[in-house]
Amino acid sequence: MIEVTPRKPESESAIEATVLRVFLKTIDLVGGPRALAERRHLTWANSLMAASYAVVLHEEGLLDAEAIAARLGLSRAAVTNILRADPEAALRKLEETEAGAGLRVHLAGGLAKAAYRRVQRGEEEPRVLRYFLERFVELFDIPWAYLVLKAIKGLDFPLASPEPLVARFEGLRLGGHDAQEVARALDYPIASPAELLHQIKMQLAGR
């Protein structure tokens, strides 16, 4: 007879980290921060955060609907609707949602569940991450990073080889170095724009 060890809930710090990742992925699923603003959906953020918390507390904290409702200050019915939501139906419904429309509980729950599944598969938040990277390099005035982000706009990650970067870096210099040579010296695969910027920074600093 095979003995099955019961699952243990994740730590509070691990749950908080996962909630943030899932929330950012929900923002990515609705088109990123810019799309939220353009379609007048900024009020969705609160609902998406609550739904992200509910889904992660259920999946990682092993809490039931009643315990989640008490913790988040939501009704038990709202939490139940979040946990029962169909992620695929929510993604389809998202396409039909008009600008300025409110976010219904089942739609927020479906998006959070879809986001959780993608995070579990390692599919992180490309549009949201890129948005914050762009704001970061603007704030700290990092000229070579701005040039890199501009050059890779629309490029799909992960990158398995330097060829896509070499093609986009033609004629570009980063910190006084030939960008194409820098690209060839990086370690592949490169999972995300953030990892690309980190590796380039290390190359320019001479490791």
N, C-alpha and C. Protein backbone atom coordinates (compact mmCIF):
# COMPACT_ATOMS: atom_id res chain seq x y z
N MET A 1 0.84 -1.20 0.00
CA MET A 1 0.00 0.00 0.00
C MET A 1 0.88 1.25 0.00
N ILE A 2 0.59 2.18 -0.92
CA ILE A 2 1.36 3.40 -1.02
C ILE A 2 0.79 4.45 -0.08
N GLU A 3 1.65 4.99 0.79
CA GLU A 3 1.21 6.01 1.73
C GLU A 3 1.32 7.39 1.08
N VAL A 4 0.23 8.12 1.07
CA VAL A 4 0.20 9.44 0.47
C VAL A 4 0.39 10.49 1.56
N THR A 5 1.41 11.32 1.42
CA THR A 5 1.67 12.37 2.40
C THR A 5 0.78 13.57 2.12
N PRO A 6 0.00 13.99 3.10
CA PRO A 6 -0.89 15.15 2.87
C PRO A 6 -0.09 16.39 2.51
N ARG A 7 -0.65 17.21 1.62
CA ARG A 7 -0.01 18.47 1.26
C ARG A 7 0.00 19.41 2.46
N LYS A 8 1.06 20.18 2.56
CA LYS A 8 1.14 21.20 3.59
C LYS A 8 0.97 22.57 2.95
N PRO A 9 0.29 23.48 3.62
CA PRO A 9 0.13 24.83 3.04
C PRO A 9 1.47 25.53 2.93
N GLU A 10 1.59 26.38 1.93
CA GLU A 10 2.82 27.16 1.75
C GLU A 10 2.94 28.21 2.85
N SER A 11 4.16 28.71 3.04
CA SER A 11 4.39 29.75 4.04
C SER A 11 3.72 31.05 3.60
N GLU A 12 3.53 31.95 4.55
CA GLU A 12 2.91 33.23 4.25
C GLU A 12 3.72 34.01 3.22
N SER A 13 5.05 34.00 3.36
CA SER A 13 5.89 34.74 2.42
C SER A 13 5.79 34.17 1.01
N ALA A 14 5.72 32.83 0.91
CA ALA A 14 5.59 32.20 -0.41
C ALA A 14 4.24 32.52 -1.02
N ILE A 15 3.19 32.54 -0.20
CA ILE A 15 1.86 32.87 -0.69
C ILE A 15 1.81 34.31 -1.20
N GLU A 16 2.39 35.23 -0.44
CA GLU A 16 2.40 36.64 -0.85
C GLU A 16 3.12 36.81 -2.19
N ALA A 17 4.24 36.11 -2.34
CA ALA A 17 5.01 36.21 -3.58
C ALA A 17 4.22 35.67 -4.76
N THR A 18 3.52 34.56 -4.55
CA THR A 18 2.73 33.96 -5.62
C THR A 18 1.54 34.83 -5.97
N VAL A 19 0.92 35.43 -4.97
CA VAL A 19 -0.21 36.34 -5.23
C VAL A 19 0.23 37.48 -6.14
N LEU A 20 1.39 38.06 -5.86
CA LEU A 20 1.87 39.16 -6.68
C LEU A 20 2.11 38.70 -8.11
N ARG A 21 2.72 37.53 -8.27
CA ARG A 21 2.99 37.01 -9.62
C ARG A 21 1.68 36.74 -10.37
N VAL A 22 0.70 36.18 -9.68
CA VAL A 22 -0.59 35.89 -10.32
C VAL A 22 -1.31 37.19 -10.67
N PHE A 23 -1.28 38.16 -9.76
CA PHE A 23 -1.92 39.45 -10.03
C PHE A 23 -1.31 40.12 -11.27
N LEU A 24 0.02 40.14 -11.33
CA LEU A 24 0.67 40.74 -12.50
C LEU A 24 0.30 40.00 -13.77
N LYS A 25 0.14 38.67 -13.66
CA LYS A 25 -0.25 37.90 -14.84
C LYS A 25 -1.68 38.21 -15.25
N THR A 26 -2.57 38.48 -14.28
CA THR A 26 -3.93 38.87 -14.66
C THR A 26 -3.92 40.18 -15.43
N ILE A 27 -3.07 41.12 -14.99
CA ILE A 27 -2.95 42.39 -15.71
C ILE A 27 -2.45 42.14 -17.12
N ASP A 28 -1.52 41.21 -17.25
CA ASP A 28 -1.00 40.87 -18.58
C ASP A 28 -2.11 40.28 -19.45
N LEU A 29 -2.96 39.43 -18.87
CA LEU A 29 -4.02 38.79 -19.65
C LEU A 29 -5.04 39.79 -20.18
N VAL A 30 -5.23 40.89 -19.45
CA VAL A 30 -6.20 41.89 -19.94
C VAL A 30 -5.55 42.92 -20.85
N GLY A 31 -4.28 42.74 -21.16
CA GLY A 31 -3.63 43.59 -22.13
C GLY A 31 -2.55 44.50 -21.59
N GLY A 32 -2.27 44.42 -20.28
CA GLY A 32 -1.23 45.25 -19.70
C GLY A 32 -1.76 46.55 -19.14
N PRO A 33 -0.95 47.28 -18.37
CA PRO A 33 -1.40 48.53 -17.74
C PRO A 33 -1.95 49.55 -18.72
N ARG A 34 -1.31 49.65 -19.88
CA ARG A 34 -1.76 50.65 -20.86
C ARG A 34 -3.16 50.32 -21.37
N ALA A 35 -3.42 49.04 -21.61
CA ALA A 35 -4.74 48.64 -22.09
C ALA A 35 -5.81 48.91 -21.02
N LEU A 36 -5.47 48.68 -19.75
CA LEU A 36 -6.42 48.97 -18.68
C LEU A 36 -6.81 50.45 -18.69
N ALA A 37 -5.81 51.30 -18.86
CA ALA A 37 -6.07 52.74 -18.86
C ALA A 37 -6.87 53.16 -20.09
N GLU A 38 -6.47 52.65 -21.25
CA GLU A 38 -7.12 53.06 -22.49
C GLU A 38 -8.58 52.61 -22.55
N ARG A 39 -8.88 51.45 -21.95
CA ARG A 39 -10.26 50.95 -21.98
C ARG A 39 -11.04 51.33 -20.72
N ARG A 40 -10.46 52.22 -19.90
CA ARG A 40 -11.10 52.71 -18.68
C ARG A 40 -11.46 51.56 -17.75
N HIS A 41 -10.50 50.66 -17.56
CA HIS A 41 -10.70 49.51 -16.68
C HIS A 41 -9.81 49.57 -15.43
N LEU A 42 -9.35 50.75 -15.05
CA LEU A 42 -8.45 50.85 -13.91
C LEU A 42 -9.09 50.32 -12.62
N THR A 43 -10.40 50.40 -12.52
CA THR A 43 -11.08 49.90 -11.31
C THR A 43 -11.02 48.38 -11.21
N TRP A 44 -10.61 47.71 -12.29
CA TRP A 44 -10.50 46.26 -12.26
C TRP A 44 -9.39 45.77 -11.33
N ALA A 45 -8.41 46.63 -11.07
CA ALA A 45 -7.23 46.18 -10.32
C ALA A 45 -7.60 45.59 -8.97
N ASN A 46 -8.52 46.25 -8.24
CA ASN A 46 -8.92 45.75 -6.92
C ASN A 46 -9.55 44.37 -7.01
N SER A 47 -10.43 44.19 -7.99
CA SER A 47 -11.11 42.90 -8.15
C SER A 47 -10.12 41.81 -8.55
N LEU A 48 -9.19 42.15 -9.43
CA LEU A 48 -8.20 41.16 -9.86
C LEU A 48 -7.26 40.77 -8.72
N MET A 49 -6.91 41.74 -7.87
CA MET A 49 -6.07 41.42 -6.72
C MET A 49 -6.81 40.51 -5.75
N ALA A 50 -8.07 40.83 -5.45
CA ALA A 50 -8.85 40.00 -4.53
C ALA A 50 -9.01 38.59 -5.07
N ALA A 51 -9.28 38.48 -6.37
CA ALA A 51 -9.44 37.16 -6.98
C ALA A 51 -8.12 36.40 -6.98
N SER A 52 -7.02 37.09 -7.22
CA SER A 52 -5.70 36.44 -7.18
C SER A 52 -5.42 35.90 -5.79
N TYR A 53 -5.71 36.69 -4.77
CA TYR A 53 -5.53 36.25 -3.40
C TYR A 53 -6.38 35.02 -3.11
N ALA A 54 -7.64 35.05 -3.52
CA ALA A 54 -8.55 33.94 -3.24
C ALA A 54 -8.05 32.65 -3.88
N VAL A 55 -7.64 32.73 -5.13
CA VAL A 55 -7.18 31.54 -5.85
C VAL A 55 -5.91 30.98 -5.20
N VAL A 56 -4.96 31.86 -4.88
CA VAL A 56 -3.69 31.39 -4.30
C VAL A 56 -3.90 30.85 -2.88
N LEU A 57 -4.74 31.51 -2.09
CA LEU A 57 -5.02 31.01 -0.74
C LEU A 57 -5.69 29.63 -0.79
N HIS A 58 -6.49 29.40 -1.82
CA HIS A 58 -7.12 28.09 -1.98
C HIS A 58 -6.13 27.03 -2.45
N GLU A 59 -5.32 27.39 -3.47
CA GLU A 59 -4.41 26.42 -4.08
C GLU A 59 -3.14 26.20 -3.26
N GLU A 60 -2.59 27.27 -2.69
CA GLU A 60 -1.31 27.19 -1.98
C GLU A 60 -1.49 27.18 -0.46
N GLY A 61 -2.49 27.93 0.03
CA GLY A 61 -2.74 27.96 1.47
C GLY A 61 -3.69 26.89 1.94
N LEU A 62 -4.33 26.18 0.97
CA LEU A 62 -5.26 25.08 1.26
C LEU A 62 -6.44 25.52 2.13
N LEU A 63 -6.90 26.75 1.93
CA LEU A 63 -8.03 27.27 2.68
C LEU A 63 -9.33 27.06 1.90
N ASP A 64 -10.43 26.88 2.65
CA ASP A 64 -11.73 26.75 1.99
C ASP A 64 -12.35 28.13 1.80
N ALA A 65 -13.50 28.16 1.14
CA ALA A 65 -14.13 29.43 0.79
C ALA A 65 -14.46 30.26 2.03
N GLU A 66 -14.92 29.61 3.08
CA GLU A 66 -15.29 30.35 4.30
C GLU A 66 -14.08 31.02 4.94
N ALA A 67 -12.96 30.30 5.02
CA ALA A 67 -11.75 30.86 5.62
C ALA A 67 -11.18 31.99 4.76
N ILE A 68 -11.25 31.82 3.43
CA ILE A 68 -10.75 32.87 2.53
C ILE A 68 -11.61 34.12 2.65
N ALA A 69 -12.93 33.94 2.72
CA ALA A 69 -13.85 35.07 2.85
C ALA A 69 -13.55 35.86 4.12
N ALA A 70 -13.31 35.15 5.22
CA ALA A 70 -13.02 35.82 6.50
C ALA A 70 -11.70 36.58 6.41
N ARG A 71 -10.74 36.00 5.75
CA ARG A 71 -9.42 36.63 5.67
C ARG A 71 -9.43 37.86 4.77
N LEU A 72 -10.17 37.81 3.68
CA LEU A 72 -10.15 38.90 2.70
C LEU A 72 -11.28 39.90 2.90
N GLY A 73 -12.20 39.61 3.79
CA GLY A 73 -13.32 40.53 4.00
C GLY A 73 -14.33 40.48 2.87
N LEU A 74 -14.43 39.33 2.20
CA LEU A 74 -15.41 39.14 1.13
C LEU A 74 -16.53 38.26 1.61
N SER A 75 -17.62 38.23 0.86
CA SER A 75 -18.70 37.31 1.21
C SER A 75 -18.30 35.90 0.79
N ARG A 76 -18.87 34.91 1.47
CA ARG A 76 -18.56 33.52 1.11
C ARG A 76 -19.03 33.23 -0.31
N ALA A 77 -20.17 33.83 -0.69
CA ALA A 77 -20.70 33.61 -2.05
C ALA A 77 -19.73 34.15 -3.10
N ALA A 78 -19.12 35.32 -2.84
CA ALA A 78 -18.18 35.90 -3.79
C ALA A 78 -16.96 35.01 -3.96
N VAL A 79 -16.44 34.50 -2.84
CA VAL A 79 -15.27 33.62 -2.91
C VAL A 79 -15.63 32.33 -3.64
N THR A 80 -16.80 31.79 -3.35
CA THR A 80 -17.25 30.56 -4.02
C THR A 80 -17.33 30.77 -5.53
N ASN A 81 -17.86 31.93 -5.95
CA ASN A 81 -17.94 32.23 -7.38
C ASN A 81 -16.56 32.34 -8.01
N ILE A 82 -15.62 32.92 -7.28
CA ILE A 82 -14.24 33.03 -7.79
C ILE A 82 -13.65 31.64 -7.99
N LEU A 83 -13.80 30.78 -6.98
CA LEU A 83 -13.17 29.45 -7.03
C LEU A 83 -13.85 28.53 -8.04
N ARG A 84 -15.11 28.79 -8.35
CA ARG A 84 -15.84 27.96 -9.32
C ARG A 84 -15.75 28.49 -10.74
N ALA A 85 -15.17 29.65 -10.93
CA ALA A 85 -15.14 30.29 -12.25
C ALA A 85 -14.38 29.46 -13.27
N ASP A 86 -14.82 29.54 -14.50
CA ASP A 86 -14.21 28.82 -15.62
C ASP A 86 -13.17 29.72 -16.28
N PRO A 87 -11.89 29.39 -16.21
CA PRO A 87 -10.86 30.28 -16.78
C PRO A 87 -10.96 30.45 -18.29
N GLU A 88 -11.29 29.39 -19.00
CA GLU A 88 -11.40 29.50 -20.46
C GLU A 88 -12.59 30.37 -20.86
N ALA A 89 -13.70 30.21 -20.16
CA ALA A 89 -14.86 31.04 -20.45
C ALA A 89 -14.56 32.50 -20.14
N ALA A 90 -13.80 32.75 -19.07
CA ALA A 90 -13.45 34.13 -18.72
C ALA A 90 -12.59 34.77 -19.79
N LEU A 91 -11.65 34.01 -20.34
CA LEU A 91 -10.79 34.56 -21.39
C LEU A 91 -11.60 34.89 -22.64
N ARG A 92 -12.60 34.06 -22.94
CA ARG A 92 -13.46 34.34 -24.09
C ARG A 92 -14.33 35.56 -23.82
N LYS A 93 -14.88 35.64 -22.62
CA LYS A 93 -15.76 36.76 -22.26
C LYS A 93 -15.00 38.07 -22.26
N LEU A 94 -13.71 38.02 -21.92
CA LEU A 94 -12.89 39.23 -21.87
C LEU A 94 -12.91 39.97 -23.20
N GLU A 95 -12.92 39.22 -24.30
CA GLU A 95 -12.91 39.83 -25.62
C GLU A 95 -14.20 40.61 -25.90
N GLU A 96 -15.27 40.26 -25.21
CA GLU A 96 -16.56 40.89 -25.45
C GLU A 96 -16.85 42.05 -24.49
N THR A 97 -15.96 42.25 -23.50
CA THR A 97 -16.21 43.27 -22.48
C THR A 97 -15.98 44.66 -23.04
N GLU A 98 -16.96 45.51 -22.89
CA GLU A 98 -16.87 46.86 -23.45
C GLU A 98 -16.02 47.78 -22.59
N ALA A 99 -15.47 48.80 -23.21
CA ALA A 99 -14.67 49.79 -22.48
C ALA A 99 -15.50 50.41 -21.36
N GLY A 100 -14.89 50.49 -20.17
CA GLY A 100 -15.55 51.10 -19.03
C GLY A 100 -16.48 50.17 -18.27
N ALA A 101 -16.69 48.96 -18.76
CA ALA A 101 -17.59 48.03 -18.07
C ALA A 101 -16.96 47.54 -16.77
N GLY A 102 -17.78 47.24 -15.78
CA GLY A 102 -17.28 46.72 -14.52
C GLY A 102 -16.83 45.27 -14.67
N LEU A 103 -16.06 44.82 -13.68
CA LEU A 103 -15.55 43.45 -13.71
C LEU A 103 -16.38 42.58 -12.78
N ARG A 104 -17.11 41.63 -13.32
CA ARG A 104 -17.95 40.75 -12.52
C ARG A 104 -17.08 39.73 -11.78
N VAL A 105 -17.59 39.23 -10.67
CA VAL A 105 -16.82 38.34 -9.80
C VAL A 105 -16.35 37.09 -10.54
N HIS A 106 -17.25 36.46 -11.30
CA HIS A 106 -16.87 35.23 -11.97
C HIS A 106 -15.81 35.47 -13.05
N LEU A 107 -15.84 36.67 -13.67
CA LEU A 107 -14.84 36.99 -14.68
C LEU A 107 -13.48 37.21 -14.03
N ALA A 108 -13.46 37.94 -12.91
CA ALA A 108 -12.21 38.15 -12.18
C ALA A 108 -11.64 36.82 -11.70
N GLY A 109 -12.52 35.96 -11.19
CA GLY A 109 -12.07 34.65 -10.73
C GLY A 109 -11.51 33.79 -11.85
N GLY A 110 -12.18 33.81 -12.99
CA GLY A 110 -11.68 33.04 -14.13
C GLY A 110 -10.33 33.52 -14.61
N LEU A 111 -10.15 34.85 -14.64
CA LEU A 111 -8.87 35.41 -15.06
C LEU A 111 -7.77 35.05 -14.06
N ALA A 112 -8.10 35.11 -12.76
CA ALA A 112 -7.11 34.76 -11.74
C ALA A 112 -6.72 33.28 -11.84
N LYS A 113 -7.68 32.41 -12.10
CA LYS A 113 -7.37 30.99 -12.24
C LYS A 113 -6.53 30.73 -13.49
N ALA A 114 -6.85 31.43 -14.58
CA ALA A 114 -6.05 31.30 -15.80
C ALA A 114 -4.63 31.79 -15.56
N ALA A 115 -4.52 32.91 -14.83
CA ALA A 115 -3.21 33.47 -14.53
C ALA A 115 -2.41 32.52 -13.64
N TYR A 116 -3.06 31.95 -12.65
CA TYR A 116 -2.37 31.01 -11.74
C TYR A 116 -1.81 29.82 -12.52
N ARG A 117 -2.59 29.27 -13.42
CA ARG A 117 -2.13 28.13 -14.22
C ARG A 117 -0.92 28.50 -15.07
N ARG A 118 -0.94 29.69 -15.64
CA ARG A 118 0.18 30.12 -16.47
C ARG A 118 1.43 30.36 -15.64
N VAL A 119 1.27 30.94 -14.48
CA VAL A 119 2.42 31.15 -13.59
C VAL A 119 3.02 29.80 -13.18
N GLN A 120 2.15 28.83 -12.91
CA GLN A 120 2.64 27.50 -12.54
C GLN A 120 3.42 26.85 -13.67
N ARG A 121 3.06 27.21 -14.91
CA ARG A 121 3.78 26.67 -16.07
C ARG A 121 5.02 27.50 -16.41
N GLY A 122 5.27 28.55 -15.65
CA GLY A 122 6.45 29.37 -15.90
C GLY A 122 6.23 30.48 -16.91
N GLU A 123 4.95 30.73 -17.26
CA GLU A 123 4.65 31.80 -18.21
C GLU A 123 4.40 33.09 -17.43
N GLU A 124 5.43 33.91 -17.35
CA GLU A 124 5.33 35.11 -16.52
C GLU A 124 4.70 36.28 -17.27
N GLU A 125 4.90 37.50 -16.78
CA GLU A 125 4.11 38.66 -17.19
C GLU A 125 4.85 39.58 -18.16
N PRO A 126 5.01 39.17 -19.45
CA PRO A 126 5.85 39.95 -20.36
C PRO A 126 5.44 41.40 -20.56
N ARG A 127 4.16 41.68 -20.78
CA ARG A 127 3.75 43.07 -21.03
C ARG A 127 3.91 43.92 -19.79
N VAL A 128 3.51 43.37 -18.64
CA VAL A 128 3.62 44.13 -17.39
C VAL A 128 5.08 44.34 -17.02
N LEU A 129 5.87 43.29 -17.15
CA LEU A 129 7.29 43.41 -16.83
C LEU A 129 7.95 44.44 -17.74
N ARG A 130 7.63 44.40 -19.01
CA ARG A 130 8.22 45.37 -19.94
C ARG A 130 7.81 46.79 -19.57
N TYR A 131 6.57 46.98 -19.20
CA TYR A 131 6.08 48.30 -18.81
C TYR A 131 6.90 48.85 -17.65
N PHE A 132 7.10 48.04 -16.61
CA PHE A 132 7.85 48.50 -15.44
C PHE A 132 9.34 48.66 -15.76
N LEU A 133 9.87 47.82 -16.64
CA LEU A 133 11.26 47.99 -17.04
C LEU A 133 11.46 49.32 -17.75
N GLU A 134 10.52 49.64 -18.63
CA GLU A 134 10.63 50.91 -19.36
C GLU A 134 10.56 52.10 -18.41
N ARG A 135 9.64 52.04 -17.43
CA ARG A 135 9.54 53.13 -16.47
C ARG A 135 10.81 53.22 -15.62
N PHE A 136 11.40 52.05 -15.30
CA PHE A 136 12.61 52.03 -14.47
C PHE A 136 13.78 52.67 -15.19
N VAL A 137 14.00 52.31 -16.45
CA VAL A 137 15.16 52.85 -17.15
C VAL A 137 14.98 54.34 -17.44
N GLU A 138 13.71 54.77 -17.61
CA GLU A 138 13.46 56.20 -17.78
C GLU A 138 13.77 56.96 -16.49
N LEU A 139 13.31 56.38 -15.36
CA LEU A 139 13.50 57.04 -14.08
C LEU A 139 14.98 57.19 -13.73
N PHE A 140 15.76 56.15 -13.99
CA PHE A 140 17.16 56.18 -13.60
C PHE A 140 18.09 56.55 -14.75
N ASP A 141 17.51 56.93 -15.87
CA ASP A 141 18.28 57.42 -17.01
C ASP A 141 19.42 56.47 -17.37
N ILE A 142 19.06 55.26 -17.78
CA ILE A 142 20.04 54.25 -18.20
C ILE A 142 19.95 54.17 -19.72
N PRO A 143 20.76 54.93 -20.44
CA PRO A 143 20.59 55.05 -21.89
C PRO A 143 20.74 53.74 -22.64
N TRP A 144 21.73 52.90 -22.25
CA TRP A 144 21.91 51.65 -23.01
C TRP A 144 20.72 50.71 -22.81
N ALA A 145 20.12 50.72 -21.60
CA ALA A 145 18.97 49.86 -21.35
C ALA A 145 17.76 50.31 -22.17
N TYR A 146 17.60 51.61 -22.28
CA TYR A 146 16.50 52.14 -23.10
C TYR A 146 16.67 51.71 -24.56
N LEU A 147 17.91 51.77 -25.06
CA LEU A 147 18.17 51.35 -26.44
C LEU A 147 17.86 49.88 -26.64
N VAL A 148 18.22 49.05 -25.64
CA VAL A 148 17.95 47.62 -25.73
C VAL A 148 16.45 47.36 -25.76
N LEU A 149 15.71 47.97 -24.85
CA LEU A 149 14.26 47.76 -24.80
C LEU A 149 13.58 48.22 -26.08
N LYS A 150 14.07 49.31 -26.64
CA LYS A 150 13.51 49.80 -27.91
C LYS A 150 13.81 48.82 -29.04
N ALA A 151 15.02 48.24 -29.04
CA ALA A 151 15.42 47.33 -30.12
C ALA A 151 14.66 46.00 -30.06
N ILE A 152 14.31 45.54 -28.85
CA ILE A 152 13.70 44.21 -28.72
C ILE A 152 12.17 44.28 -28.68
N LYS A 153 11.61 45.44 -28.90
CA LYS A 153 10.15 45.57 -28.84
C LYS A 153 9.49 44.59 -29.80
N GLY A 154 8.58 43.77 -29.27
CA GLY A 154 7.89 42.78 -30.09
C GLY A 154 8.61 41.46 -30.21
N LEU A 155 9.79 41.35 -29.60
CA LEU A 155 10.57 40.11 -29.68
C LEU A 155 10.04 39.10 -28.67
N ASP A 156 9.87 37.86 -29.10
CA ASP A 156 9.35 36.82 -28.22
C ASP A 156 10.46 36.20 -27.39
N PHE A 157 10.16 35.96 -26.12
CA PHE A 157 11.06 35.27 -25.21
C PHE A 157 10.45 33.92 -24.84
N PRO A 158 11.30 32.94 -24.47
CA PRO A 158 12.76 32.99 -24.26
C PRO A 158 13.53 33.00 -25.58
N LEU A 159 14.78 33.48 -25.50
CA LEU A 159 15.68 33.50 -26.64
C LEU A 159 16.63 32.31 -26.54
N ALA A 160 16.63 31.47 -27.55
CA ALA A 160 17.46 30.27 -27.51
C ALA A 160 18.86 30.51 -28.06
N SER A 161 19.03 31.58 -28.84
CA SER A 161 20.32 31.85 -29.48
C SER A 161 20.48 33.35 -29.67
N PRO A 162 21.68 33.82 -30.01
CA PRO A 162 21.89 35.27 -30.18
C PRO A 162 21.35 35.84 -31.48
N GLU A 163 20.98 35.00 -32.45
CA GLU A 163 20.63 35.51 -33.78
C GLU A 163 19.55 36.59 -33.78
N PRO A 164 18.43 36.42 -33.03
CA PRO A 164 17.41 37.48 -33.06
C PRO A 164 17.94 38.82 -32.54
N LEU A 165 18.80 38.77 -31.52
CA LEU A 165 19.37 40.01 -30.98
C LEU A 165 20.37 40.61 -31.95
N VAL A 166 21.21 39.77 -32.54
CA VAL A 166 22.21 40.26 -33.48
C VAL A 166 21.54 41.01 -34.62
N ALA A 167 20.42 40.48 -35.11
CA ALA A 167 19.70 41.12 -36.21
C ALA A 167 19.16 42.49 -35.80
N ARG A 168 18.66 42.59 -34.55
CA ARG A 168 18.07 43.85 -34.10
C ARG A 168 19.11 44.85 -33.59
N PHE A 169 20.30 44.37 -33.26
CA PHE A 169 21.34 45.23 -32.70
C PHE A 169 22.28 45.80 -33.76
N GLU A 170 21.96 45.62 -35.03
CA GLU A 170 22.86 46.11 -36.09
C GLU A 170 23.06 47.62 -35.97
N GLY A 171 24.32 48.03 -35.93
CA GLY A 171 24.66 49.45 -35.86
C GLY A 171 24.50 50.06 -34.48
N LEU A 172 24.16 49.25 -33.48
CA LEU A 172 23.90 49.75 -32.14
C LEU A 172 25.14 49.58 -31.25
N ARG A 173 25.40 50.59 -30.42
CA ARG A 173 26.50 50.50 -29.46
C ARG A 173 25.94 50.68 -28.05
N LEU A 174 26.42 49.83 -27.14
CA LEU A 174 25.96 49.85 -25.76
C LEU A 174 27.14 50.13 -24.85
N GLY A 175 27.14 51.30 -24.24
CA GLY A 175 28.23 51.65 -23.35
C GLY A 175 29.59 51.63 -24.04
N GLY A 176 29.62 52.01 -25.31
CA GLY A 176 30.87 52.02 -26.06
C GLY A 176 31.25 50.71 -26.69
N HIS A 177 30.40 49.69 -26.54
CA HIS A 177 30.68 48.36 -27.09
C HIS A 177 29.73 48.05 -28.25
N ASP A 178 30.21 47.26 -29.20
CA ASP A 178 29.37 46.81 -30.31
C ASP A 178 28.27 45.91 -29.75
N ALA A 179 27.02 46.30 -29.93
CA ALA A 179 25.90 45.56 -29.35
C ALA A 179 25.81 44.14 -29.88
N GLN A 180 26.15 43.93 -31.14
CA GLN A 180 26.08 42.58 -31.70
C GLN A 180 27.10 41.65 -31.04
N GLU A 181 28.29 42.18 -30.74
CA GLU A 181 29.30 41.37 -30.05
C GLU A 181 28.86 41.07 -28.62
N VAL A 182 28.23 42.05 -27.98
CA VAL A 182 27.71 41.83 -26.64
C VAL A 182 26.67 40.71 -26.67
N ALA A 183 25.78 40.74 -27.65
CA ALA A 183 24.73 39.73 -27.77
C ALA A 183 25.32 38.33 -27.92
N ARG A 184 26.37 38.22 -28.71
CA ARG A 184 26.98 36.91 -28.95
C ARG A 184 27.66 36.36 -27.69
N ALA A 185 28.04 37.25 -26.78
CA ALA A 185 28.75 36.83 -25.57
C ALA A 185 27.82 36.44 -24.42
N LEU A 186 26.51 36.59 -24.60
CA LEU A 186 25.57 36.29 -23.53
C LEU A 186 25.34 34.79 -23.40
N ASP A 187 24.80 34.40 -22.25
CA ASP A 187 24.48 32.99 -22.00
C ASP A 187 23.03 32.72 -22.37
N TYR A 188 22.83 31.72 -23.21
CA TYR A 188 21.48 31.38 -23.67
C TYR A 188 21.07 30.02 -23.13
N PRO A 189 19.76 29.77 -22.96
CA PRO A 189 18.62 30.64 -23.31
C PRO A 189 18.46 31.80 -22.33
N ILE A 190 17.80 32.86 -22.81
CA ILE A 190 17.49 34.03 -21.99
C ILE A 190 15.98 34.08 -21.84
N ALA A 191 15.52 34.02 -20.59
CA ALA A 191 14.09 33.82 -20.34
C ALA A 191 13.23 35.06 -20.52
N SER A 192 13.78 36.25 -20.28
CA SER A 192 12.93 37.45 -20.25
C SER A 192 13.75 38.70 -20.53
N PRO A 193 13.08 39.83 -20.82
CA PRO A 193 13.81 41.09 -20.98
C PRO A 193 14.62 41.46 -19.75
N ALA A 194 14.09 41.16 -18.55
CA ALA A 194 14.81 41.48 -17.33
C ALA A 194 16.13 40.73 -17.26
N GLU A 195 16.10 39.45 -17.60
CA GLU A 195 17.34 38.66 -17.60
C GLU A 195 18.30 39.18 -18.67
N LEU A 196 17.77 39.59 -19.81
CA LEU A 196 18.62 40.14 -20.87
C LEU A 196 19.35 41.39 -20.38
N LEU A 197 18.62 42.31 -19.75
CA LEU A 197 19.25 43.53 -19.24
C LEU A 197 20.31 43.20 -18.19
N HIS A 198 20.01 42.22 -17.35
CA HIS A 198 20.99 41.84 -16.31
C HIS A 198 22.26 41.29 -16.94
N GLN A 199 22.11 40.42 -17.92
CA GLN A 199 23.30 39.82 -18.56
C GLN A 199 24.11 40.90 -19.30
N ILE A 200 23.41 41.80 -19.99
CA ILE A 200 24.13 42.88 -20.69
C ILE A 200 24.88 43.75 -19.68
N LYS A 201 24.23 44.06 -18.57
CA LYS A 201 24.89 44.86 -17.54
C LYS A 201 26.17 44.18 -17.07
N MET A 202 26.11 42.85 -16.86
CA MET A 202 27.29 42.11 -16.42
C MET A 202 28.38 42.14 -17.48
N GLN A 203 27.98 42.02 -18.74
CA GLN A 203 28.97 42.07 -19.83
C GLN A 203 29.64 43.45 -19.91
N LEU A 204 28.85 44.49 -19.82
CA LEU A 204 29.40 45.84 -19.91
C LEU A 204 30.31 46.17 -18.72
N ALA A 205 30.01 45.50 -17.55
CA ALA A 205 30.84 45.72 -16.37
C ALA A 205 32.07 44.82 -16.36
N GLY A 206 32.20 43.98 -17.40
CA GLY A 206 33.35 43.08 -17.46
C GLY A 206 33.22 41.90 -16.52
N ARG A 207 31.97 41.59 -16.12
CA ARG A 207 31.69 40.51 -15.19
C ARG A 207 32.55 40.66 -13.94
